[in-house]
Amino acid sequence: MLYQVEMTVNIPQDMDEDTVAGIKAKEKAYSQDLQRQGIWRHIWRVAGSYANVSILDCRDNAHLHEVLTALPLYPYMDISVTPLCRHPSSVREGDL
């Protein structure tokens, strides 16, 4: 099942820079692994914000919850989720 996930990151400004760098490195590795697995299908940066819009392909709502809550930056994110389904006018048959 496809989900549009909008994530805005709000790291506390007083957080230690080394701690932030470590969290960001873990986040990058985790998200890239999910991309290689085909779970994190697309990711776009929102210009001018520490935010992204992503398309995730998860088995169900519980799987999506597991993926999102495992993000190292999760405690510092505002997240909104929109479930998606194939539009009848789409010419892409395999993108369900």
N, C-alpha and C. Protein backbone atom coordinates (compact mmCIF):
# COMPACT_ATOMS: atom_id res chain seq x y z
N MET A 1 0.85 -1.17 0.00
CA MET A 1 0.00 0.00 0.00
C MET A 1 0.90 1.24 0.00
N LEU A 2 0.53 2.20 -0.82
CA LEU A 2 1.33 3.43 -0.91
C LEU A 2 0.80 4.50 0.04
N TYR A 3 1.75 5.24 0.60
CA TYR A 3 1.43 6.34 1.51
C TYR A 3 2.26 7.56 1.12
N GLN A 4 1.61 8.71 1.12
CA GLN A 4 2.33 9.98 1.03
C GLN A 4 2.61 10.41 2.46
N VAL A 5 3.89 10.61 2.76
CA VAL A 5 4.28 10.97 4.12
C VAL A 5 5.01 12.30 4.06
N GLU A 6 4.50 13.27 4.80
CA GLU A 6 5.15 14.57 4.90
C GLU A 6 5.81 14.66 6.27
N MET A 7 7.11 14.95 6.26
CA MET A 7 7.89 14.99 7.50
C MET A 7 8.56 16.35 7.64
N THR A 8 8.37 16.98 8.77
CA THR A 8 9.07 18.22 9.10
C THR A 8 9.91 17.95 10.35
N VAL A 9 11.20 18.26 10.25
CA VAL A 9 12.13 17.97 11.34
C VAL A 9 12.32 19.23 12.18
N ASN A 10 12.25 19.05 13.50
CA ASN A 10 12.38 20.15 14.45
C ASN A 10 13.39 19.77 15.53
N ILE A 11 14.67 19.73 15.17
CA ILE A 11 15.70 19.40 16.14
C ILE A 11 15.87 20.58 17.09
N PRO A 12 15.92 20.32 18.39
CA PRO A 12 16.11 21.42 19.35
C PRO A 12 17.42 22.16 19.07
N GLN A 13 17.36 23.47 19.06
CA GLN A 13 18.53 24.27 18.71
C GLN A 13 19.66 24.14 19.73
N ASP A 14 19.34 23.74 20.94
CA ASP A 14 20.39 23.60 21.95
C ASP A 14 20.97 22.18 22.01
N MET A 15 20.58 21.31 21.09
CA MET A 15 21.12 19.95 21.07
C MET A 15 22.59 19.98 20.63
N ASP A 16 23.40 19.17 21.27
CA ASP A 16 24.83 19.07 20.97
C ASP A 16 25.05 18.72 19.49
N GLU A 17 25.96 19.43 18.82
CA GLU A 17 26.21 19.24 17.39
C GLU A 17 26.67 17.82 17.06
N ASP A 18 27.49 17.22 17.91
CA ASP A 18 27.94 15.85 17.66
C ASP A 18 26.78 14.86 17.74
N THR A 19 25.88 15.09 18.68
CA THR A 19 24.69 14.24 18.81
C THR A 19 23.83 14.37 17.57
N VAL A 20 23.61 15.60 17.11
CA VAL A 20 22.82 15.84 15.90
C VAL A 20 23.46 15.15 14.70
N ALA A 21 24.77 15.29 14.55
CA ALA A 21 25.47 14.67 13.42
C ALA A 21 25.32 13.15 13.46
N GLY A 22 25.39 12.56 14.64
CA GLY A 22 25.22 11.11 14.76
C GLY A 22 23.82 10.66 14.39
N ILE A 23 22.82 11.39 14.86
CA ILE A 23 21.43 11.05 14.53
C ILE A 23 21.20 11.17 13.03
N LYS A 24 21.71 12.24 12.42
CA LYS A 24 21.53 12.44 10.98
C LYS A 24 22.21 11.34 10.18
N ALA A 25 23.38 10.88 10.60
CA ALA A 25 24.08 9.81 9.90
C ALA A 25 23.28 8.50 9.98
N LYS A 26 22.71 8.21 11.14
CA LYS A 26 21.88 7.01 11.30
C LYS A 26 20.61 7.12 10.45
N GLU A 27 20.02 8.31 10.43
CA GLU A 27 18.81 8.55 9.63
C GLU A 27 19.08 8.30 8.15
N LYS A 28 20.19 8.84 7.66
CA LYS A 28 20.54 8.68 6.25
C LYS A 28 20.73 7.20 5.90
N ALA A 29 21.48 6.48 6.73
CA ALA A 29 21.73 5.06 6.47
C ALA A 29 20.43 4.26 6.48
N TYR A 30 19.56 4.53 7.46
CA TYR A 30 18.29 3.82 7.57
C TYR A 30 17.39 4.11 6.38
N SER A 31 17.26 5.38 6.01
CA SER A 31 16.38 5.74 4.90
C SER A 31 16.90 5.19 3.58
N GLN A 32 18.21 5.20 3.39
CA GLN A 32 18.76 4.65 2.15
C GLN A 32 18.58 3.14 2.08
N ASP A 33 18.67 2.46 3.23
CA ASP A 33 18.40 1.02 3.25
C ASP A 33 16.95 0.74 2.87
N LEU A 34 16.02 1.54 3.41
CA LEU A 34 14.60 1.38 3.04
C LEU A 34 14.38 1.65 1.55
N GLN A 35 15.12 2.61 0.98
CA GLN A 35 15.00 2.88 -0.45
C GLN A 35 15.48 1.67 -1.26
N ARG A 36 16.60 1.09 -0.85
CA ARG A 36 17.13 -0.08 -1.56
C ARG A 36 16.16 -1.26 -1.48
N GLN A 37 15.43 -1.38 -0.37
CA GLN A 37 14.44 -2.45 -0.21
C GLN A 37 13.16 -2.20 -1.00
N GLY A 38 12.99 -0.97 -1.52
CA GLY A 38 11.78 -0.63 -2.25
C GLY A 38 10.65 -0.15 -1.36
N ILE A 39 10.91 0.02 -0.07
CA ILE A 39 9.88 0.50 0.85
C ILE A 39 9.73 2.02 0.73
N TRP A 40 10.86 2.72 0.70
CA TRP A 40 10.84 4.18 0.56
C TRP A 40 11.04 4.47 -0.92
N ARG A 41 9.93 4.63 -1.63
CA ARG A 41 9.97 4.73 -3.09
C ARG A 41 10.50 6.05 -3.61
N HIS A 42 10.08 7.14 -3.00
CA HIS A 42 10.47 8.48 -3.47
C HIS A 42 10.67 9.39 -2.26
N ILE A 43 11.59 10.34 -2.42
CA ILE A 43 11.78 11.36 -1.39
C ILE A 43 12.13 12.68 -2.07
N TRP A 44 11.43 13.72 -1.68
CA TRP A 44 11.68 15.07 -2.21
C TRP A 44 11.87 16.02 -1.05
N ARG A 45 12.85 16.87 -1.16
CA ARG A 45 13.06 17.93 -0.17
C ARG A 45 12.03 19.03 -0.42
N VAL A 46 11.52 19.61 0.63
CA VAL A 46 10.65 20.78 0.52
C VAL A 46 11.58 21.99 0.57
N ALA A 47 11.63 22.74 -0.52
CA ALA A 47 12.55 23.87 -0.62
C ALA A 47 12.31 24.87 0.51
N GLY A 48 13.40 25.28 1.12
CA GLY A 48 13.34 26.28 2.17
C GLY A 48 12.95 25.77 3.54
N SER A 49 12.78 24.44 3.69
CA SER A 49 12.37 23.87 4.97
C SER A 49 13.23 22.64 5.27
N TYR A 50 13.32 22.30 6.54
CA TYR A 50 13.93 21.02 6.90
C TYR A 50 12.79 20.02 6.91
N ALA A 51 12.35 19.67 5.70
CA ALA A 51 11.17 18.83 5.53
C ALA A 51 11.28 18.05 4.23
N ASN A 52 10.47 16.99 4.14
CA ASN A 52 10.40 16.22 2.90
C ASN A 52 9.00 15.71 2.68
N VAL A 53 8.75 15.36 1.43
CA VAL A 53 7.55 14.65 1.03
C VAL A 53 8.03 13.34 0.43
N SER A 54 7.50 12.25 0.95
CA SER A 54 7.97 10.93 0.52
C SER A 54 6.80 10.04 0.17
N ILE A 55 7.09 9.01 -0.65
CA ILE A 55 6.14 7.96 -0.94
C ILE A 55 6.72 6.67 -0.38
N LEU A 56 5.99 6.04 0.54
CA LEU A 56 6.42 4.79 1.12
C LEU A 56 5.47 3.68 0.70
N ASP A 57 6.01 2.50 0.50
CA ASP A 57 5.23 1.33 0.10
C ASP A 57 5.33 0.31 1.23
N CYS A 58 4.28 0.24 2.05
CA CYS A 58 4.27 -0.63 3.22
C CYS A 58 3.14 -1.65 3.11
N ARG A 59 3.30 -2.76 3.81
CA ARG A 59 2.29 -3.83 3.77
C ARG A 59 0.93 -3.35 4.26
N ASP A 60 0.97 -2.55 5.33
CA ASP A 60 -0.28 -2.09 5.96
C ASP A 60 0.06 -0.93 6.90
N ASN A 61 -0.95 -0.44 7.61
CA ASN A 61 -0.75 0.69 8.52
C ASN A 61 0.25 0.36 9.62
N ALA A 62 0.19 -0.85 10.14
CA ALA A 62 1.11 -1.23 11.22
C ALA A 62 2.55 -1.23 10.73
N HIS A 63 2.78 -1.71 9.51
CA HIS A 63 4.13 -1.71 8.94
C HIS A 63 4.62 -0.28 8.76
N LEU A 64 3.76 0.60 8.26
CA LEU A 64 4.14 2.00 8.11
C LEU A 64 4.53 2.59 9.47
N HIS A 65 3.75 2.30 10.49
CA HIS A 65 4.04 2.80 11.83
C HIS A 65 5.41 2.31 12.31
N GLU A 66 5.72 1.04 12.07
CA GLU A 66 7.02 0.48 12.45
C GLU A 66 8.15 1.21 11.73
N VAL A 67 8.00 1.42 10.43
CA VAL A 67 9.02 2.10 9.63
C VAL A 67 9.24 3.52 10.15
N LEU A 68 8.17 4.26 10.37
CA LEU A 68 8.30 5.66 10.78
C LEU A 68 8.85 5.80 12.19
N THR A 69 8.38 4.98 13.11
CA THR A 69 8.84 5.13 14.49
C THR A 69 10.28 4.66 14.67
N ALA A 70 10.82 3.92 13.71
CA ALA A 70 12.22 3.50 13.76
C ALA A 70 13.17 4.55 13.19
N LEU A 71 12.62 5.61 12.60
CA LEU A 71 13.48 6.69 12.09
C LEU A 71 14.23 7.33 13.26
N PRO A 72 15.55 7.46 13.17
CA PRO A 72 16.29 8.10 14.26
C PRO A 72 15.83 9.52 14.57
N LEU A 73 15.33 10.24 13.56
CA LEU A 73 14.84 11.60 13.78
C LEU A 73 13.37 11.65 14.20
N TYR A 74 12.73 10.50 14.30
CA TYR A 74 11.29 10.44 14.61
C TYR A 74 10.89 11.29 15.83
N PRO A 75 11.66 11.26 16.93
CA PRO A 75 11.24 12.06 18.08
C PRO A 75 11.20 13.57 17.82
N TYR A 76 11.81 14.00 16.73
CA TYR A 76 11.90 15.43 16.42
C TYR A 76 11.09 15.79 15.17
N MET A 77 10.17 14.92 14.77
CA MET A 77 9.42 15.13 13.52
C MET A 77 7.94 15.39 13.78
N ASP A 78 7.38 16.24 12.92
CA ASP A 78 5.94 16.33 12.76
C ASP A 78 5.65 15.57 11.46
N ILE A 79 4.76 14.59 11.53
CA ILE A 79 4.51 13.72 10.38
C ILE A 79 3.02 13.73 10.05
N SER A 80 2.71 13.81 8.76
CA SER A 80 1.33 13.60 8.32
C SER A 80 1.35 12.54 7.23
N VAL A 81 0.34 11.68 7.26
CA VAL A 81 0.26 10.53 6.37
C VAL A 81 -1.04 10.59 5.59
N THR A 82 -0.94 10.34 4.28
CA THR A 82 -2.11 10.23 3.42
C THR A 82 -2.03 8.90 2.67
N PRO A 83 -2.96 7.96 2.92
CA PRO A 83 -2.98 6.72 2.15
C PRO A 83 -3.32 7.02 0.69
N LEU A 84 -2.69 6.31 -0.22
CA LEU A 84 -2.91 6.53 -1.64
C LEU A 84 -3.42 5.26 -2.31
N CYS A 85 -4.15 5.43 -3.40
CA CYS A 85 -4.54 4.29 -4.23
C CYS A 85 -4.44 4.73 -5.70
N ARG A 86 -4.39 3.77 -6.57
CA ARG A 86 -4.21 4.02 -7.99
C ARG A 86 -5.40 4.81 -8.54
N HIS A 87 -5.08 5.82 -9.34
CA HIS A 87 -6.12 6.61 -9.99
C HIS A 87 -6.55 5.88 -11.26
N PRO A 88 -7.85 5.83 -11.56
CA PRO A 88 -8.32 5.09 -12.74
C PRO A 88 -7.82 5.66 -14.06
N SER A 89 -7.36 6.90 -14.08
CA SER A 89 -6.84 7.49 -15.32
C SER A 89 -5.34 7.30 -15.48
N SER A 90 -4.68 6.66 -14.50
CA SER A 90 -3.23 6.47 -14.58
C SER A 90 -2.86 5.51 -15.69
N VAL A 91 -1.77 5.83 -16.40
CA VAL A 91 -1.29 4.95 -17.46
C VAL A 91 -0.23 3.98 -16.93
N ARG A 92 0.13 4.10 -15.68
CA ARG A 92 1.15 3.23 -15.08
C ARG A 92 0.47 2.07 -14.34
N GLU A 93 0.40 0.94 -15.00
CA GLU A 93 -0.31 -0.22 -14.45
C GLU A 93 0.35 -0.79 -13.19
N GLY A 94 1.70 -0.75 -13.11
CA GLY A 94 2.39 -1.42 -12.03
C GLY A 94 2.56 -0.58 -10.78
N ASP A 95 2.07 0.63 -10.76
CA ASP A 95 2.28 1.50 -9.61
C ASP A 95 1.05 1.53 -8.72
N LEU A 96 0.82 0.45 -7.99
CA LEU A 96 -0.37 0.32 -7.16
C LEU A 96 -0.16 0.87 -5.78
